[in-house]
N, C-alpha and C. Protein backbone atom coordinates (compact mmCIF):
# COMPACT_ATOMS: atom_id res chain seq x y z
N MET A 1 -9.77 -7.72 -3.36
CA MET A 1 -8.87 -6.95 -4.20
C MET A 1 -7.43 -7.02 -3.67
N THR A 2 -7.29 -7.02 -2.37
CA THR A 2 -5.95 -7.07 -1.78
C THR A 2 -5.25 -8.37 -2.16
N GLU A 3 -5.98 -9.47 -2.13
CA GLU A 3 -5.39 -10.75 -2.51
C GLU A 3 -4.96 -10.77 -3.97
N ILE A 4 -5.71 -10.12 -4.83
CA ILE A 4 -5.35 -10.04 -6.25
C ILE A 4 -4.05 -9.26 -6.42
N ALA A 5 -3.91 -8.16 -5.70
CA ALA A 5 -2.67 -7.37 -5.78
C ALA A 5 -1.48 -8.17 -5.27
N VAL A 6 -1.69 -8.94 -4.20
CA VAL A 6 -0.62 -9.79 -3.68
C VAL A 6 -0.21 -10.82 -4.74
N GLU A 7 -1.19 -11.45 -5.36
CA GLU A 7 -0.89 -12.44 -6.41
C GLU A 7 -0.11 -11.81 -7.56
N GLU A 8 -0.46 -10.58 -7.89
CA GLU A 8 0.22 -9.90 -8.99
C GLU A 8 1.70 -9.67 -8.68
N GLN A 9 2.04 -9.48 -7.43
CA GLN A 9 3.44 -9.23 -7.04
C GLN A 9 4.20 -10.51 -6.69
N ALA A 10 3.49 -11.63 -6.60
CA ALA A 10 4.10 -12.87 -6.13
C ALA A 10 5.24 -13.35 -7.03
N LEU A 11 5.10 -13.23 -8.32
CA LEU A 11 6.14 -13.70 -9.24
C LEU A 11 7.42 -12.89 -9.07
N THR A 12 7.27 -11.57 -8.99
CA THR A 12 8.45 -10.72 -8.79
C THR A 12 9.11 -11.04 -7.46
N ALA A 13 8.30 -11.21 -6.43
CA ALA A 13 8.84 -11.55 -5.10
C ALA A 13 9.57 -12.89 -5.15
N ALA A 14 8.99 -13.87 -5.80
CA ALA A 14 9.60 -15.20 -5.88
C ALA A 14 10.94 -15.15 -6.61
N SER A 15 11.05 -14.30 -7.62
CA SER A 15 12.31 -14.20 -8.36
C SER A 15 13.44 -13.66 -7.49
N ARG A 16 13.08 -12.97 -6.41
CA ARG A 16 14.08 -12.44 -5.47
C ARG A 16 14.09 -13.25 -4.18
N HIS A 17 13.37 -14.37 -4.18
CA HIS A 17 13.28 -15.26 -3.01
C HIS A 17 12.72 -14.52 -1.79
N ILE A 18 11.75 -13.66 -2.05
CA ILE A 18 11.07 -12.93 -0.99
C ILE A 18 9.75 -13.62 -0.69
N GLN A 19 9.52 -13.92 0.56
CA GLN A 19 8.27 -14.54 1.00
C GLN A 19 7.24 -13.45 1.29
N ILE A 20 6.04 -13.60 0.77
CA ILE A 20 4.95 -12.68 1.09
C ILE A 20 4.01 -13.38 2.05
N HIS A 21 3.79 -12.75 3.19
CA HIS A 21 2.91 -13.29 4.23
C HIS A 21 1.67 -12.41 4.32
N THR A 22 0.49 -13.03 4.33
CA THR A 22 -0.74 -12.23 4.38
C THR A 22 -1.58 -12.59 5.59
N GLU A 23 -2.25 -11.58 6.10
CA GLU A 23 -3.26 -11.73 7.14
C GLU A 23 -4.42 -10.82 6.72
N ILE A 24 -5.36 -11.38 5.99
CA ILE A 24 -6.44 -10.59 5.40
C ILE A 24 -7.77 -11.05 5.99
N THR A 25 -8.41 -10.14 6.69
CA THR A 25 -9.72 -10.41 7.27
C THR A 25 -10.75 -10.43 6.14
N PRO A 26 -11.55 -11.49 6.05
CA PRO A 26 -12.55 -11.55 4.97
C PRO A 26 -13.71 -10.57 5.21
N ASP A 27 -14.40 -10.24 4.12
CA ASP A 27 -15.63 -9.45 4.15
C ASP A 27 -15.46 -8.06 4.77
N LEU A 28 -14.38 -7.38 4.41
CA LEU A 28 -14.22 -5.97 4.77
C LEU A 28 -14.69 -5.13 3.58
N PHE A 29 -15.41 -4.05 3.87
CA PHE A 29 -15.97 -3.22 2.81
C PHE A 29 -15.61 -1.75 3.03
N ALA A 30 -15.42 -1.06 1.92
CA ALA A 30 -15.23 0.40 1.94
C ALA A 30 -15.68 0.93 0.59
N CYS A 31 -16.13 2.16 0.58
CA CYS A 31 -16.52 2.81 -0.66
C CYS A 31 -15.27 3.46 -1.26
N VAL A 32 -14.71 2.81 -2.28
CA VAL A 32 -13.47 3.29 -2.88
C VAL A 32 -13.57 3.23 -4.39
N ASP A 33 -12.76 4.03 -5.03
CA ASP A 33 -12.55 3.89 -6.46
C ASP A 33 -11.65 2.67 -6.62
N GLU A 34 -12.16 1.62 -7.24
CA GLU A 34 -11.41 0.36 -7.28
C GLU A 34 -10.08 0.49 -8.01
N THR A 35 -10.03 1.30 -9.06
CA THR A 35 -8.77 1.48 -9.79
C THR A 35 -7.75 2.18 -8.91
N ALA A 36 -8.18 3.20 -8.21
CA ALA A 36 -7.27 3.94 -7.33
C ALA A 36 -6.78 3.06 -6.18
N TYR A 37 -7.69 2.31 -5.57
CA TYR A 37 -7.30 1.42 -4.47
C TYR A 37 -6.30 0.37 -4.96
N PHE A 38 -6.56 -0.19 -6.12
CA PHE A 38 -5.64 -1.19 -6.66
C PHE A 38 -4.28 -0.56 -6.93
N ARG A 39 -4.25 0.66 -7.47
CA ARG A 39 -2.99 1.37 -7.72
C ARG A 39 -2.24 1.58 -6.41
N LEU A 40 -2.95 1.96 -5.36
CA LEU A 40 -2.35 2.14 -4.04
C LEU A 40 -1.67 0.84 -3.58
N LEU A 41 -2.40 -0.27 -3.69
CA LEU A 41 -1.86 -1.56 -3.27
C LEU A 41 -0.63 -1.95 -4.09
N ILE A 42 -0.73 -1.85 -5.40
CA ILE A 42 0.38 -2.25 -6.27
C ILE A 42 1.61 -1.40 -5.98
N ASN A 43 1.43 -0.11 -5.78
CA ASN A 43 2.58 0.75 -5.51
C ASN A 43 3.26 0.35 -4.20
N LEU A 44 2.49 0.20 -3.13
CA LEU A 44 3.09 -0.15 -1.84
C LEU A 44 3.72 -1.54 -1.87
N LEU A 45 3.03 -2.50 -2.49
CA LEU A 45 3.57 -3.86 -2.55
C LEU A 45 4.82 -3.94 -3.44
N SER A 46 4.77 -3.27 -4.59
CA SER A 46 5.94 -3.33 -5.47
C SER A 46 7.14 -2.64 -4.84
N ASN A 47 6.90 -1.56 -4.10
CA ASN A 47 8.01 -0.93 -3.37
C ASN A 47 8.59 -1.88 -2.34
N ALA A 48 7.71 -2.58 -1.60
CA ALA A 48 8.17 -3.51 -0.57
C ALA A 48 9.03 -4.62 -1.19
N VAL A 49 8.62 -5.10 -2.36
CA VAL A 49 9.38 -6.16 -3.04
C VAL A 49 10.66 -5.58 -3.66
N THR A 50 10.54 -4.45 -4.33
CA THR A 50 11.70 -3.84 -4.99
C THR A 50 12.80 -3.50 -3.99
N TYR A 51 12.44 -2.93 -2.85
CA TYR A 51 13.42 -2.51 -1.87
C TYR A 51 13.60 -3.52 -0.75
N GLY A 52 12.96 -4.68 -0.92
CA GLY A 52 13.17 -5.77 0.03
C GLY A 52 14.50 -6.43 -0.23
N LYS A 53 14.97 -7.14 0.78
CA LYS A 53 16.26 -7.82 0.60
C LYS A 53 16.03 -9.22 0.02
N GLU A 54 17.01 -9.68 -0.73
CA GLU A 54 16.96 -11.03 -1.26
C GLU A 54 16.79 -12.00 -0.10
N ASN A 55 15.93 -12.99 -0.27
CA ASN A 55 15.59 -13.95 0.78
C ASN A 55 14.89 -13.29 1.97
N GLY A 56 14.24 -12.18 1.73
CA GLY A 56 13.57 -11.44 2.79
C GLY A 56 12.09 -11.75 2.86
N ASN A 57 11.36 -10.86 3.52
CA ASN A 57 9.94 -11.05 3.77
C ASN A 57 9.17 -9.75 3.56
N VAL A 58 7.92 -9.91 3.15
CA VAL A 58 6.96 -8.81 3.09
C VAL A 58 5.71 -9.30 3.79
N TRP A 59 5.18 -8.47 4.68
CA TRP A 59 3.96 -8.81 5.41
C TRP A 59 2.86 -7.83 5.04
N ILE A 60 1.69 -8.36 4.73
CA ILE A 60 0.53 -7.54 4.41
C ILE A 60 -0.59 -7.96 5.36
N SER A 61 -1.14 -6.97 6.06
CA SER A 61 -2.30 -7.28 6.90
C SER A 61 -3.41 -6.29 6.55
N LEU A 62 -4.63 -6.80 6.59
CA LEU A 62 -5.82 -6.00 6.32
C LEU A 62 -6.85 -6.43 7.36
N THR A 63 -7.14 -5.52 8.28
CA THR A 63 -8.03 -5.83 9.40
C THR A 63 -8.96 -4.66 9.66
N LEU A 64 -9.92 -4.88 10.53
CA LEU A 64 -10.80 -3.82 10.98
C LEU A 64 -10.24 -3.24 12.26
N SER A 65 -10.17 -1.93 12.34
CA SER A 65 -9.68 -1.24 13.53
C SER A 65 -10.69 -0.15 13.86
N GLY A 66 -11.59 -0.44 14.79
CA GLY A 66 -12.66 0.50 15.10
C GLY A 66 -13.56 0.65 13.89
N SER A 67 -13.73 1.88 13.42
CA SER A 67 -14.57 2.13 12.25
C SER A 67 -13.74 2.28 10.98
N ASP A 68 -12.49 1.87 11.04
CA ASP A 68 -11.59 1.97 9.89
C ASP A 68 -11.08 0.61 9.45
N ILE A 69 -10.69 0.56 8.21
CA ILE A 69 -9.94 -0.59 7.70
C ILE A 69 -8.47 -0.23 7.84
N LEU A 70 -7.71 -1.13 8.43
CA LEU A 70 -6.29 -0.93 8.64
C LEU A 70 -5.52 -1.82 7.67
N LEU A 71 -4.78 -1.19 6.78
CA LEU A 71 -3.91 -1.89 5.84
C LEU A 71 -2.48 -1.60 6.27
N GLN A 72 -1.71 -2.65 6.45
CA GLN A 72 -0.30 -2.45 6.82
C GLN A 72 0.57 -3.31 5.92
N ILE A 73 1.57 -2.68 5.33
CA ILE A 73 2.52 -3.38 4.46
C ILE A 73 3.91 -3.12 5.04
N ARG A 74 4.59 -4.21 5.39
CA ARG A 74 5.88 -4.11 6.06
C ARG A 74 6.88 -5.01 5.35
N ASP A 75 8.12 -4.56 5.28
CA ASP A 75 9.18 -5.38 4.70
C ASP A 75 10.41 -5.33 5.60
N ASP A 76 11.31 -6.25 5.39
CA ASP A 76 12.57 -6.26 6.15
C ASP A 76 13.74 -5.92 5.23
N GLY A 77 13.48 -5.01 4.32
CA GLY A 77 14.45 -4.65 3.29
C GLY A 77 15.44 -3.57 3.71
N ILE A 78 15.82 -2.75 2.73
CA ILE A 78 16.91 -1.79 2.95
C ILE A 78 16.51 -0.62 3.82
N GLY A 79 15.23 -0.32 3.94
CA GLY A 79 14.79 0.78 4.79
C GLY A 79 15.20 2.13 4.26
N MET A 80 14.88 3.16 5.04
CA MET A 80 15.18 4.55 4.66
C MET A 80 15.68 5.31 5.87
N SER A 81 16.53 6.28 5.61
CA SER A 81 17.00 7.16 6.67
C SER A 81 15.90 8.15 7.04
N GLU A 82 16.04 8.82 8.16
CA GLU A 82 15.09 9.86 8.56
C GLU A 82 15.02 10.96 7.51
N GLU A 83 16.15 11.30 6.92
CA GLU A 83 16.19 12.35 5.89
C GLU A 83 15.34 11.95 4.69
N VAL A 84 15.53 10.74 4.19
CA VAL A 84 14.74 10.26 3.05
C VAL A 84 13.27 10.17 3.44
N LEU A 85 12.99 9.61 4.60
CA LEU A 85 11.62 9.43 5.07
C LEU A 85 10.86 10.76 5.13
N SER A 86 11.55 11.82 5.45
CA SER A 86 10.89 13.12 5.56
C SER A 86 10.45 13.69 4.20
N HIS A 87 10.90 13.10 3.11
CA HIS A 87 10.59 13.61 1.77
C HIS A 87 9.75 12.66 0.91
N ILE A 88 9.43 11.47 1.39
CA ILE A 88 8.84 10.46 0.51
C ILE A 88 7.49 10.84 -0.07
N TRP A 89 6.76 11.75 0.56
CA TRP A 89 5.43 12.12 0.05
C TRP A 89 5.51 13.23 -1.00
N GLU A 90 6.70 13.76 -1.24
CA GLU A 90 6.87 14.85 -2.20
C GLU A 90 6.91 14.30 -3.62
N ARG A 91 6.17 14.97 -4.51
CA ARG A 91 6.20 14.56 -5.92
C ARG A 91 7.60 14.72 -6.48
N PHE A 92 8.02 13.76 -7.27
CA PHE A 92 9.30 13.71 -7.96
C PHE A 92 10.50 13.51 -7.05
N TYR A 93 10.27 13.30 -5.75
CA TYR A 93 11.40 13.04 -4.86
C TYR A 93 11.88 11.61 -5.07
N ARG A 94 13.18 11.47 -5.24
CA ARG A 94 13.80 10.15 -5.34
C ARG A 94 15.03 10.15 -4.45
N ALA A 95 15.21 9.05 -3.74
CA ALA A 95 16.45 8.88 -3.00
C ALA A 95 17.56 8.71 -4.04
N ASP A 96 18.77 8.49 -3.63
CA ASP A 96 19.86 8.39 -4.61
C ASP A 96 19.55 7.34 -5.67
N SER A 97 20.13 7.52 -6.85
CA SER A 97 19.79 6.68 -8.00
C SER A 97 20.19 5.22 -7.81
N SER A 98 21.15 4.95 -6.93
CA SER A 98 21.51 3.55 -6.70
C SER A 98 20.37 2.82 -6.00
N ARG A 99 19.54 3.57 -5.28
CA ARG A 99 18.40 2.98 -4.59
C ARG A 99 17.21 2.87 -5.53
N THR A 100 16.97 3.88 -6.36
CA THR A 100 15.75 3.92 -7.15
C THR A 100 15.90 3.42 -8.57
N GLY A 101 17.08 3.50 -9.14
CA GLY A 101 17.24 3.11 -10.54
C GLY A 101 16.66 4.17 -11.45
N ASP A 102 16.84 3.99 -12.72
CA ASP A 102 16.40 4.99 -13.69
C ASP A 102 14.93 4.87 -14.06
N SER A 103 14.27 3.78 -13.69
CA SER A 103 12.89 3.58 -14.12
C SER A 103 11.86 4.19 -13.16
N HIS A 104 12.30 4.83 -12.11
CA HIS A 104 11.38 5.42 -11.14
C HIS A 104 11.42 6.94 -11.26
N PHE A 105 10.24 7.56 -11.11
CA PHE A 105 10.15 9.00 -11.30
C PHE A 105 9.80 9.76 -10.03
N GLY A 106 9.63 9.08 -8.91
CA GLY A 106 9.33 9.76 -7.66
C GLY A 106 7.89 10.20 -7.53
N LEU A 107 6.97 9.53 -8.21
CA LEU A 107 5.56 9.89 -8.14
C LEU A 107 4.72 8.90 -7.33
N GLY A 108 5.21 7.70 -7.14
CA GLY A 108 4.42 6.63 -6.55
C GLY A 108 3.86 6.93 -5.17
N LEU A 109 4.71 7.30 -4.23
CA LEU A 109 4.22 7.51 -2.87
C LEU A 109 3.40 8.79 -2.73
N SER A 110 3.69 9.81 -3.53
CA SER A 110 2.84 11.00 -3.48
C SER A 110 1.45 10.66 -4.02
N MET A 111 1.39 9.80 -5.03
CA MET A 111 0.11 9.36 -5.56
C MET A 111 -0.63 8.51 -4.53
N VAL A 112 0.07 7.62 -3.86
CA VAL A 112 -0.54 6.80 -2.81
C VAL A 112 -1.15 7.69 -1.72
N GLN A 113 -0.39 8.69 -1.29
CA GLN A 113 -0.91 9.60 -0.26
C GLN A 113 -2.15 10.33 -0.76
N TRP A 114 -2.15 10.76 -2.00
CA TRP A 114 -3.31 11.45 -2.57
C TRP A 114 -4.52 10.53 -2.59
N ILE A 115 -4.34 9.28 -3.01
CA ILE A 115 -5.44 8.32 -3.06
C ILE A 115 -6.03 8.10 -1.67
N VAL A 116 -5.18 7.90 -0.69
CA VAL A 116 -5.65 7.67 0.67
C VAL A 116 -6.42 8.89 1.17
N THR A 117 -5.87 10.07 0.98
CA THR A 117 -6.53 11.30 1.44
C THR A 117 -7.85 11.51 0.72
N ALA A 118 -7.89 11.24 -0.58
CA ALA A 118 -9.12 11.41 -1.36
C ALA A 118 -10.24 10.49 -0.87
N HIS A 119 -9.86 9.39 -0.23
CA HIS A 119 -10.85 8.45 0.29
C HIS A 119 -11.11 8.67 1.79
N GLY A 120 -10.66 9.79 2.32
CA GLY A 120 -10.92 10.12 3.72
C GLY A 120 -10.05 9.37 4.71
N GLY A 121 -8.91 8.87 4.25
CA GLY A 121 -8.04 8.08 5.11
C GLY A 121 -6.75 8.79 5.47
N THR A 122 -5.89 8.05 6.15
CA THR A 122 -4.57 8.55 6.52
C THR A 122 -3.52 7.48 6.20
N ILE A 123 -2.30 7.94 5.98
CA ILE A 123 -1.18 7.03 5.74
C ILE A 123 0.04 7.54 6.48
N THR A 124 0.78 6.62 7.07
CA THR A 124 2.04 6.95 7.73
C THR A 124 3.10 5.94 7.29
N ALA A 125 4.34 6.33 7.48
CA ALA A 125 5.46 5.45 7.14
C ALA A 125 6.47 5.48 8.28
N GLN A 126 7.01 4.32 8.56
CA GLN A 126 8.10 4.19 9.52
C GLN A 126 9.19 3.39 8.83
N SER A 127 10.44 3.75 9.08
CA SER A 127 11.53 3.04 8.43
C SER A 127 12.83 3.28 9.16
N LYS A 128 13.71 2.30 9.05
CA LYS A 128 15.07 2.41 9.57
C LYS A 128 16.00 1.76 8.55
N PRO A 129 17.14 2.38 8.29
CA PRO A 129 18.09 1.78 7.35
C PRO A 129 18.44 0.34 7.75
N SER A 130 18.46 -0.54 6.78
CA SER A 130 18.79 -1.96 6.94
C SER A 130 17.78 -2.74 7.78
N ALA A 131 16.67 -2.11 8.17
CA ALA A 131 15.67 -2.80 9.00
C ALA A 131 14.31 -2.85 8.33
N GLY A 132 14.14 -2.19 7.20
CA GLY A 132 12.88 -2.24 6.49
C GLY A 132 11.97 -1.06 6.74
N SER A 133 10.78 -1.14 6.15
CA SER A 133 9.80 -0.05 6.21
C SER A 133 8.42 -0.62 6.49
N THR A 134 7.59 0.21 7.12
CA THR A 134 6.19 -0.14 7.38
C THR A 134 5.32 1.01 6.93
N PHE A 135 4.35 0.73 6.08
CA PHE A 135 3.37 1.72 5.65
C PHE A 135 2.03 1.31 6.25
N THR A 136 1.40 2.26 6.92
CA THR A 136 0.14 2.01 7.61
C THR A 136 -0.93 2.93 7.04
N VAL A 137 -2.02 2.32 6.55
CA VAL A 137 -3.12 3.06 5.93
C VAL A 137 -4.40 2.79 6.72
N PHE A 138 -5.11 3.86 7.04
CA PHE A 138 -6.45 3.76 7.63
C PHE A 138 -7.44 4.32 6.62
N LEU A 139 -8.47 3.55 6.27
CA LEU A 139 -9.54 3.99 5.38
C LEU A 139 -10.88 3.76 6.09
N PRO A 140 -11.83 4.67 5.92
CA PRO A 140 -13.15 4.47 6.55
C PRO A 140 -13.80 3.18 6.03
N ALA A 141 -14.29 2.39 6.95
CA ALA A 141 -14.96 1.13 6.59
C ALA A 141 -16.46 1.35 6.50
N SER A 142 -17.11 0.44 5.80
CA SER A 142 -18.57 0.38 5.81
C SER A 142 -18.94 -0.99 6.34
N HIS A 143 -20.17 -1.16 6.75
CA HIS A 143 -20.57 -2.42 7.36
C HIS A 143 -20.88 -3.50 6.34
N SER A 144 -21.36 -3.10 5.17
CA SER A 144 -21.70 -4.07 4.13
C SER A 144 -21.89 -3.34 2.82
N GLN A 145 -22.08 -4.09 1.77
CA GLN A 145 -22.33 -3.48 0.47
C GLN A 145 -23.62 -2.67 0.47
N GLU A 146 -24.56 -3.03 1.30
CA GLU A 146 -25.85 -2.34 1.33
C GLU A 146 -25.77 -0.96 1.98
N ASP A 147 -24.63 -0.60 2.58
CA ASP A 147 -24.49 0.69 3.25
C ASP A 147 -24.53 1.87 2.29
N PHE A 148 -24.35 1.62 1.02
CA PHE A 148 -24.24 2.71 0.07
C PHE A 148 -25.42 2.73 -0.88
N GLU A 149 -26.03 3.89 -0.97
CA GLU A 149 -27.09 4.08 -1.95
C GLU A 149 -26.41 4.47 -3.26
N PRO A 150 -26.96 4.07 -4.40
CA PRO A 150 -26.31 4.37 -5.68
C PRO A 150 -26.01 5.85 -5.88
N LYS A 151 -26.84 6.75 -5.37
CA LYS A 151 -26.59 8.18 -5.59
C LYS A 151 -25.33 8.67 -4.88
N LYS A 152 -24.84 7.94 -3.89
CA LYS A 152 -23.64 8.35 -3.17
C LYS A 152 -22.37 7.86 -3.84
N ILE A 153 -22.48 6.97 -4.80
CA ILE A 153 -21.31 6.41 -5.44
C ILE A 153 -21.02 7.18 -6.72
N LYS A 154 -19.82 7.73 -6.78
CA LYS A 154 -19.40 8.51 -7.95
C LYS A 154 -18.95 7.57 -9.06
N LYS A 155 -18.78 8.13 -10.24
CA LYS A 155 -18.29 7.35 -11.38
C LYS A 155 -17.00 6.64 -11.00
N ASN A 156 -16.88 5.39 -11.39
CA ASN A 156 -15.72 4.54 -11.12
C ASN A 156 -15.54 4.22 -9.64
N GLU A 157 -16.55 4.48 -8.84
CA GLU A 157 -16.45 4.20 -7.42
C GLU A 157 -17.42 3.08 -7.09
N LYS A 158 -16.94 2.08 -6.38
CA LYS A 158 -17.76 0.96 -6.05
C LYS A 158 -17.53 0.60 -4.59
N ASN A 159 -18.46 -0.09 -4.01
CA ASN A 159 -18.28 -0.61 -2.68
C ASN A 159 -17.61 -1.96 -2.83
N GLU A 160 -16.31 -2.00 -2.68
CA GLU A 160 -15.55 -3.20 -2.99
C GLU A 160 -15.20 -3.98 -1.76
N ARG A 161 -15.17 -5.28 -1.93
CA ARG A 161 -14.68 -6.18 -0.89
C ARG A 161 -13.17 -6.16 -0.99
N PHE A 162 -12.50 -5.88 0.11
CA PHE A 162 -11.05 -5.82 0.10
C PHE A 162 -10.48 -7.21 0.18
């Protein structure tokens, strides 16, 4: 799923001459709502591309870290100040309009945080102005698709290969 989200953002990134670099460990599994997980990926990746610098880079890594899946999305774009960073998880929060434009409503990162929390994970953000941002997500991993009995999977929830 992560590779599909990367492919979806590749055209936008290419139009800004942004290189997307991936390090995705194969055969990682977690019990997630696939629509929610995909939304999480698209939001973080599109932010990295949108706020990335022209001729810049975005790095995506997906690895196993202990009993968790570690997703990290990093860019070398415009970054955020400590003041902005302290508010990014708030619904409807937007940095100044020159940064966000009129098409953003300030819901994306609060939704991402909700999705991660709903799946038993954690998310953090680090950023510095003119140096880019890094979003780090930990989600509980499973060992294989067979780890889940059908009764444990809720509607729209599947054991997906990341």
